[in-house]
N, C-alpha and C. Protein backbone atom coordinates (compact mmCIF):
# COMPACT_ATOMS: atom_id res chain seq x y z
N MET A 1 -8.15 -15.74 -1.85
CA MET A 1 -8.47 -14.76 -0.84
C MET A 1 -9.88 -14.19 -1.04
N LYS A 2 -10.21 -13.94 -2.29
CA LYS A 2 -11.55 -13.40 -2.59
C LYS A 2 -12.64 -14.33 -2.12
N GLN A 3 -12.50 -15.64 -2.33
CA GLN A 3 -13.49 -16.62 -1.92
C GLN A 3 -13.66 -16.64 -0.42
N VAL A 4 -12.58 -16.52 0.29
CA VAL A 4 -12.63 -16.50 1.76
C VAL A 4 -13.37 -15.26 2.27
N LEU A 5 -13.00 -14.11 1.72
CA LEU A 5 -13.60 -12.86 2.17
C LEU A 5 -15.09 -12.77 1.83
N GLU A 6 -15.50 -13.36 0.73
CA GLU A 6 -16.93 -13.33 0.32
C GLU A 6 -17.75 -14.41 1.00
N ASN A 7 -17.11 -15.46 1.50
CA ASN A 7 -17.81 -16.58 2.11
C ASN A 7 -18.60 -16.13 3.33
N PRO A 8 -19.94 -16.34 3.30
CA PRO A 8 -20.79 -15.86 4.43
C PRO A 8 -20.48 -16.56 5.74
N LYS A 9 -19.87 -17.73 5.69
CA LYS A 9 -19.54 -18.47 6.93
C LYS A 9 -18.19 -18.05 7.50
N ILE A 10 -17.42 -17.28 6.73
CA ILE A 10 -16.09 -16.88 7.18
C ILE A 10 -16.00 -15.39 7.41
N ALA A 11 -16.13 -14.59 6.37
CA ALA A 11 -15.95 -13.15 6.50
C ALA A 11 -17.18 -12.36 6.04
N ALA A 12 -17.85 -12.85 5.04
CA ALA A 12 -19.11 -12.26 4.55
C ALA A 12 -19.01 -10.79 4.12
N PHE A 13 -17.92 -10.45 3.44
CA PHE A 13 -17.78 -9.10 2.92
C PHE A 13 -18.74 -8.96 1.72
N ASP A 14 -19.42 -7.80 1.65
CA ASP A 14 -20.38 -7.55 0.54
C ASP A 14 -19.65 -7.31 -0.77
N GLU A 15 -18.52 -6.65 -0.72
CA GLU A 15 -17.80 -6.31 -1.93
C GLU A 15 -16.33 -6.60 -1.76
N VAL A 16 -15.80 -7.36 -2.69
CA VAL A 16 -14.36 -7.66 -2.71
C VAL A 16 -13.85 -7.37 -4.11
N GLN A 17 -12.83 -6.57 -4.19
CA GLN A 17 -12.24 -6.25 -5.51
C GLN A 17 -10.82 -6.75 -5.52
N THR A 18 -10.45 -7.47 -6.55
CA THR A 18 -9.10 -7.98 -6.68
C THR A 18 -8.45 -7.44 -7.94
N LEU A 19 -7.15 -7.23 -7.84
CA LEU A 19 -6.37 -6.77 -8.98
C LEU A 19 -5.16 -7.70 -9.11
N LEU A 20 -4.90 -8.15 -10.29
CA LEU A 20 -3.78 -9.04 -10.54
C LEU A 20 -2.71 -8.30 -11.35
N ASN A 21 -1.60 -8.02 -10.72
CA ASN A 21 -0.46 -7.34 -11.34
C ASN A 21 -0.86 -6.03 -12.08
N PRO A 22 -1.49 -5.14 -11.35
CA PRO A 22 -1.91 -3.88 -12.02
C PRO A 22 -0.75 -2.94 -12.27
N ASN A 23 -0.92 -2.04 -13.20
CA ASN A 23 0.06 -0.99 -13.39
C ASN A 23 -0.22 0.07 -12.33
N PRO A 24 0.68 1.03 -12.10
CA PRO A 24 0.49 1.98 -11.01
C PRO A 24 -0.77 2.85 -11.12
N GLN A 25 -1.12 3.20 -12.34
CA GLN A 25 -2.33 4.03 -12.53
C GLN A 25 -3.58 3.26 -12.14
N ILE A 26 -3.67 2.02 -12.59
CA ILE A 26 -4.84 1.20 -12.27
C ILE A 26 -4.91 0.92 -10.78
N LEU A 27 -3.76 0.63 -10.14
CA LEU A 27 -3.76 0.37 -8.71
C LEU A 27 -4.21 1.62 -7.91
N ALA A 28 -3.64 2.78 -8.24
CA ALA A 28 -4.00 3.99 -7.53
C ALA A 28 -5.46 4.37 -7.73
N GLU A 29 -5.93 4.29 -8.97
CA GLU A 29 -7.32 4.63 -9.28
C GLU A 29 -8.30 3.64 -8.61
N SER A 30 -7.95 2.40 -8.63
CA SER A 30 -8.81 1.38 -8.01
C SER A 30 -8.89 1.57 -6.52
N LEU A 31 -7.76 1.84 -5.87
CA LEU A 31 -7.76 2.12 -4.44
C LEU A 31 -8.60 3.33 -4.11
N GLU A 32 -8.42 4.37 -4.90
CA GLU A 32 -9.15 5.62 -4.67
C GLU A 32 -10.66 5.42 -4.83
N SER A 33 -11.05 4.79 -5.89
CA SER A 33 -12.46 4.55 -6.15
C SER A 33 -13.10 3.65 -5.08
N PHE A 34 -12.41 2.59 -4.74
CA PHE A 34 -12.93 1.64 -3.77
C PHE A 34 -13.07 2.31 -2.38
N CYS A 35 -12.10 3.07 -1.98
CA CYS A 35 -12.12 3.72 -0.67
C CYS A 35 -13.11 4.88 -0.61
N GLN A 36 -13.30 5.58 -1.71
CA GLN A 36 -14.25 6.70 -1.72
C GLN A 36 -15.69 6.23 -1.66
N ASP A 37 -15.93 4.99 -2.12
CA ASP A 37 -17.31 4.48 -2.16
C ASP A 37 -17.78 3.91 -0.84
N ARG A 38 -17.02 4.04 0.23
CA ARG A 38 -17.38 3.46 1.52
C ARG A 38 -18.22 4.44 2.35
N ASP A 39 -19.05 3.86 3.20
CA ASP A 39 -19.86 4.66 4.17
C ASP A 39 -19.18 4.68 5.49
N ILE A 40 -19.65 5.53 6.37
CA ILE A 40 -19.01 5.72 7.68
C ILE A 40 -18.97 4.44 8.51
N ASP A 41 -19.99 3.60 8.37
CA ASP A 41 -20.08 2.36 9.16
C ASP A 41 -19.40 1.16 8.52
N ASP A 42 -18.87 1.32 7.32
CA ASP A 42 -18.21 0.21 6.63
C ASP A 42 -16.89 -0.16 7.29
N LEU A 43 -16.54 -1.42 7.14
CA LEU A 43 -15.17 -1.87 7.50
C LEU A 43 -14.41 -1.92 6.19
N LEU A 44 -13.41 -1.06 6.05
CA LEU A 44 -12.59 -1.00 4.85
C LEU A 44 -11.29 -1.81 5.08
N VAL A 45 -11.09 -2.79 4.23
CA VAL A 45 -9.90 -3.59 4.32
C VAL A 45 -9.13 -3.51 3.01
N VAL A 46 -7.86 -3.09 3.12
CA VAL A 46 -6.97 -3.09 1.96
C VAL A 46 -5.89 -4.11 2.23
N TYR A 47 -5.79 -5.11 1.35
CA TYR A 47 -4.78 -6.17 1.50
C TYR A 47 -3.92 -6.13 0.26
N PHE A 48 -2.63 -5.83 0.50
CA PHE A 48 -1.67 -5.80 -0.65
C PHE A 48 -0.68 -6.93 -0.46
N SER A 49 -0.56 -7.76 -1.47
CA SER A 49 0.42 -8.84 -1.49
C SER A 49 1.34 -8.57 -2.67
N GLY A 50 2.60 -8.35 -2.38
CA GLY A 50 3.55 -8.04 -3.44
C GLY A 50 4.89 -7.66 -2.84
N HIS A 51 5.55 -6.74 -3.49
CA HIS A 51 6.86 -6.26 -3.03
C HIS A 51 6.74 -4.79 -2.65
N GLY A 52 7.54 -4.44 -1.68
CA GLY A 52 7.62 -3.04 -1.28
C GLY A 52 9.07 -2.59 -1.36
N VAL A 53 9.25 -1.28 -1.36
CA VAL A 53 10.61 -0.75 -1.47
C VAL A 53 10.72 0.54 -0.66
N VAL A 54 11.86 0.67 0.05
CA VAL A 54 12.15 1.91 0.73
C VAL A 54 12.71 2.85 -0.30
N LEU A 55 12.13 4.05 -0.41
CA LEU A 55 12.46 4.97 -1.49
C LEU A 55 13.61 5.89 -1.21
N ASP A 56 13.87 6.21 0.05
CA ASP A 56 14.90 7.21 0.34
C ASP A 56 15.40 7.12 1.78
N ASP A 57 16.25 8.03 2.16
CA ASP A 57 16.84 8.05 3.48
C ASP A 57 15.84 8.32 4.59
N HIS A 58 14.67 8.83 4.24
CA HIS A 58 13.64 9.17 5.21
C HIS A 58 12.69 7.99 5.48
N GLY A 59 12.96 6.87 4.86
CA GLY A 59 12.13 5.69 5.07
C GLY A 59 10.83 5.68 4.32
N ARG A 60 10.68 6.59 3.34
CA ARG A 60 9.44 6.59 2.57
C ARG A 60 9.34 5.24 1.83
N PHE A 61 8.14 4.80 1.71
CA PHE A 61 7.90 3.42 1.26
C PHE A 61 6.96 3.43 0.03
N GLY A 62 7.17 2.47 -0.87
CA GLY A 62 6.31 2.32 -2.01
C GLY A 62 5.89 0.89 -2.24
N LEU A 63 4.75 0.71 -2.84
CA LEU A 63 4.25 -0.59 -3.24
C LEU A 63 4.49 -0.81 -4.72
N THR A 64 5.17 -1.86 -5.06
CA THR A 64 5.53 -2.09 -6.44
C THR A 64 4.35 -2.57 -7.26
N THR A 65 4.45 -2.37 -8.54
CA THR A 65 3.41 -2.76 -9.50
C THR A 65 4.04 -3.58 -10.60
N SER A 66 3.23 -3.94 -11.57
CA SER A 66 3.72 -4.76 -12.68
C SER A 66 4.76 -3.97 -13.51
N MET A 67 4.76 -2.66 -13.37
CA MET A 67 5.67 -1.82 -14.16
C MET A 67 6.90 -1.32 -13.39
N SER A 68 6.98 -1.65 -12.09
CA SER A 68 8.03 -1.11 -11.26
C SER A 68 9.41 -1.55 -11.73
N ARG A 69 10.32 -0.61 -11.70
CA ARG A 69 11.70 -0.88 -12.16
C ARG A 69 12.66 0.14 -11.54
N THR A 70 13.92 -0.12 -11.75
CA THR A 70 14.96 0.85 -11.32
C THR A 70 15.58 1.47 -12.55
N ASN A 71 16.18 2.64 -12.33
CA ASN A 71 16.87 3.27 -13.47
C ASN A 71 18.31 2.76 -13.55
N SER A 72 19.09 3.34 -14.43
CA SER A 72 20.46 2.86 -14.65
C SER A 72 21.37 3.03 -13.45
N LYS A 73 20.96 3.89 -12.49
CA LYS A 73 21.74 4.10 -11.28
C LYS A 73 21.22 3.27 -10.12
N GLY A 74 20.26 2.39 -10.38
CA GLY A 74 19.74 1.50 -9.35
C GLY A 74 18.68 2.13 -8.47
N LYS A 75 18.21 3.35 -8.80
CA LYS A 75 17.18 4.00 -8.02
C LYS A 75 15.81 3.63 -8.58
N VAL A 76 14.86 3.49 -7.71
CA VAL A 76 13.51 3.15 -8.12
C VAL A 76 12.91 4.33 -8.91
N VAL A 77 12.29 3.95 -10.03
CA VAL A 77 11.55 4.95 -10.80
C VAL A 77 10.20 5.10 -10.12
N ARG A 78 10.01 6.18 -9.37
CA ARG A 78 8.86 6.33 -8.49
C ARG A 78 7.54 6.33 -9.23
N SER A 79 7.51 6.74 -10.46
CA SER A 79 6.25 6.75 -11.22
C SER A 79 5.77 5.34 -11.57
N THR A 80 6.56 4.34 -11.25
CA THR A 80 6.22 2.97 -11.58
C THR A 80 5.65 2.21 -10.34
N LEU A 81 5.39 2.94 -9.26
CA LEU A 81 4.84 2.30 -8.06
C LEU A 81 3.81 3.21 -7.43
N VAL A 82 3.23 2.74 -6.34
CA VAL A 82 2.25 3.56 -5.56
C VAL A 82 2.89 3.80 -4.18
N SER A 83 3.03 5.05 -3.83
CA SER A 83 3.67 5.41 -2.58
C SER A 83 2.71 5.16 -1.42
N ALA A 84 3.31 4.83 -0.24
CA ALA A 84 2.50 4.73 0.97
C ALA A 84 1.85 6.04 1.30
N ASP A 85 2.50 7.15 0.95
CA ASP A 85 1.91 8.47 1.19
C ASP A 85 0.61 8.63 0.44
N LEU A 86 0.55 8.15 -0.81
CA LEU A 86 -0.67 8.24 -1.60
C LEU A 86 -1.72 7.33 -0.96
N LEU A 87 -1.36 6.14 -0.56
CA LEU A 87 -2.32 5.25 0.10
C LEU A 87 -2.89 5.91 1.37
N GLN A 88 -2.02 6.55 2.12
CA GLN A 88 -2.46 7.25 3.33
C GLN A 88 -3.47 8.33 3.00
N ASP A 89 -3.18 9.14 1.98
CA ASP A 89 -4.09 10.20 1.56
C ASP A 89 -5.45 9.63 1.16
N ILE A 90 -5.43 8.56 0.40
CA ILE A 90 -6.69 7.93 -0.05
C ILE A 90 -7.49 7.42 1.15
N LEU A 91 -6.84 6.78 2.09
CA LEU A 91 -7.53 6.27 3.28
C LEU A 91 -8.06 7.42 4.14
N ASN A 92 -7.28 8.49 4.26
CA ASN A 92 -7.75 9.64 5.05
C ASN A 92 -8.96 10.29 4.45
N ASP A 93 -9.15 10.21 3.15
CA ASP A 93 -10.28 10.80 2.48
C ASP A 93 -11.53 9.90 2.51
N SER A 94 -11.37 8.65 2.92
CA SER A 94 -12.48 7.73 2.97
C SER A 94 -13.37 8.05 4.15
N LYS A 95 -14.69 7.84 3.99
CA LYS A 95 -15.64 8.06 5.08
C LYS A 95 -15.58 6.92 6.11
N ALA A 96 -15.12 5.75 5.66
CA ALA A 96 -15.09 4.59 6.56
C ALA A 96 -14.22 4.84 7.77
N GLU A 97 -14.82 4.72 8.96
CA GLU A 97 -14.06 4.96 10.18
C GLU A 97 -13.25 3.76 10.61
N ARG A 98 -13.66 2.57 10.18
CA ARG A 98 -12.95 1.36 10.53
C ARG A 98 -12.13 0.90 9.32
N GLN A 99 -10.80 0.99 9.45
CA GLN A 99 -9.94 0.67 8.32
C GLN A 99 -8.85 -0.28 8.78
N VAL A 100 -8.60 -1.28 7.93
CA VAL A 100 -7.52 -2.24 8.16
C VAL A 100 -6.67 -2.28 6.90
N VAL A 101 -5.38 -2.13 7.08
CA VAL A 101 -4.43 -2.24 5.96
C VAL A 101 -3.47 -3.37 6.28
N VAL A 102 -3.40 -4.35 5.37
CA VAL A 102 -2.45 -5.45 5.52
C VAL A 102 -1.49 -5.36 4.35
N LEU A 103 -0.22 -5.14 4.68
CA LEU A 103 0.81 -5.13 3.61
C LEU A 103 1.62 -6.39 3.73
N ASP A 104 1.22 -7.35 2.92
CA ASP A 104 1.91 -8.67 2.89
C ASP A 104 3.05 -8.57 1.90
N CYS A 105 4.10 -7.86 2.32
CA CYS A 105 5.20 -7.60 1.39
C CYS A 105 6.49 -7.45 2.16
N CYS A 106 7.56 -7.75 1.48
CA CYS A 106 8.88 -7.46 2.01
C CYS A 106 9.20 -6.03 1.60
N TYR A 107 10.35 -5.59 1.96
CA TYR A 107 10.77 -4.29 1.44
C TYR A 107 12.23 -4.42 1.01
N ARG A 108 12.54 -3.70 -0.04
CA ARG A 108 13.90 -3.69 -0.56
C ARG A 108 14.41 -2.28 -0.39
N GLN A 109 15.58 -2.18 0.23
CA GLN A 109 16.18 -0.87 0.37
C GLN A 109 16.90 -0.47 -0.90
N THR A 110 16.78 0.79 -1.26
CA THR A 110 17.51 1.31 -2.40
C THR A 110 18.95 1.57 -1.97
N ASP A 111 19.84 1.84 -2.91
CA ASP A 111 21.21 2.12 -2.57
C ASP A 111 21.31 3.23 -1.54
N THR A 112 20.50 4.26 -1.69
CA THR A 112 20.55 5.42 -0.78
C THR A 112 20.10 4.99 0.61
N SER A 113 18.97 4.30 0.70
CA SER A 113 18.44 3.96 2.02
C SER A 113 19.29 2.90 2.71
N ALA A 114 19.97 2.05 1.94
CA ALA A 114 20.80 1.01 2.54
C ALA A 114 22.00 1.60 3.25
N ASN A 115 22.44 2.78 2.83
CA ASN A 115 23.59 3.42 3.45
C ASN A 115 23.21 4.37 4.58
N ASN A 116 21.97 4.45 4.93
CA ASN A 116 21.52 5.36 5.98
C ASN A 116 21.56 4.64 7.33
N PRO A 117 22.40 5.07 8.28
CA PRO A 117 22.53 4.40 9.55
C PRO A 117 21.24 4.50 10.38
N HIS A 118 20.38 5.48 10.06
CA HIS A 118 19.14 5.63 10.83
C HIS A 118 18.13 4.52 10.50
N LEU A 119 18.22 3.94 9.32
CA LEU A 119 17.34 2.85 8.98
C LEU A 119 17.83 1.54 9.51
N GLY A 120 19.11 1.38 9.65
CA GLY A 120 19.77 0.28 10.35
C GLY A 120 19.10 -1.08 10.26
N GLY A 121 18.60 -1.46 9.12
CA GLY A 121 18.02 -2.79 8.97
C GLY A 121 16.61 -2.93 9.55
N GLU A 122 16.11 -1.87 10.13
CA GLU A 122 14.74 -1.95 10.69
C GLU A 122 13.72 -1.66 9.59
N SER A 123 12.49 -2.04 9.87
CA SER A 123 11.43 -1.80 8.92
C SER A 123 11.25 -0.30 8.72
N PRO A 124 10.88 0.09 7.52
CA PRO A 124 10.64 1.51 7.26
C PRO A 124 9.47 2.02 8.08
N SER A 125 9.47 3.29 8.35
CA SER A 125 8.41 3.90 9.10
C SER A 125 7.29 4.34 8.17
N ILE A 126 6.59 3.38 7.62
CA ILE A 126 5.61 3.69 6.58
C ILE A 126 4.33 4.29 7.10
N PHE A 127 4.05 4.10 8.40
CA PHE A 127 2.83 4.61 8.93
C PHE A 127 3.03 5.87 9.75
N ARG A 128 4.19 6.48 9.59
CA ARG A 128 4.47 7.73 10.29
C ARG A 128 3.39 8.76 9.96
N GLY A 129 2.85 9.36 10.96
CA GLY A 129 1.88 10.41 10.76
C GLY A 129 0.46 9.94 10.47
N TRP A 130 0.18 8.65 10.57
CA TRP A 130 -1.17 8.16 10.32
C TRP A 130 -2.06 8.39 11.53
N GLY A 131 -1.45 8.82 12.64
CA GLY A 131 -2.18 9.27 13.83
C GLY A 131 -3.16 8.25 14.39
N GLY A 132 -2.83 6.98 14.33
CA GLY A 132 -3.68 5.99 14.92
C GLY A 132 -5.01 5.80 14.17
N ARG A 133 -5.07 6.36 12.98
CA ARG A 133 -6.32 6.26 12.20
C ARG A 133 -6.60 4.80 11.83
N LEU A 134 -5.54 4.01 11.71
CA LEU A 134 -5.78 2.61 11.32
C LEU A 134 -5.77 1.72 12.53
């Protein structure tokens, strides 16, 4: 992916940062640093390839990391992932007006969210409240 994005004949991005199986702290800090360093005219692209998980009955969503796990009751240990809410906050703080987020991931419902009739097998509402910013 990095070679494609940097290739001047294809995408010609000036800066491409890749992370391979980061822990949640590294992922969050890298996203924050990368997004904060953008200018207003930059095109900011965040591409996540991995697993996602619905965290609760409200459809809150998280991106898993190399440390993500569940506890003895089958609930996701939230400190082992990066929440979509945090990603939203980071993107909202970026100066870049053009932003693209690609989440190349499935999602796994937790025991709690699987029993919620309002989620009914549909994708989680992870972009709720992003106000068309993306």
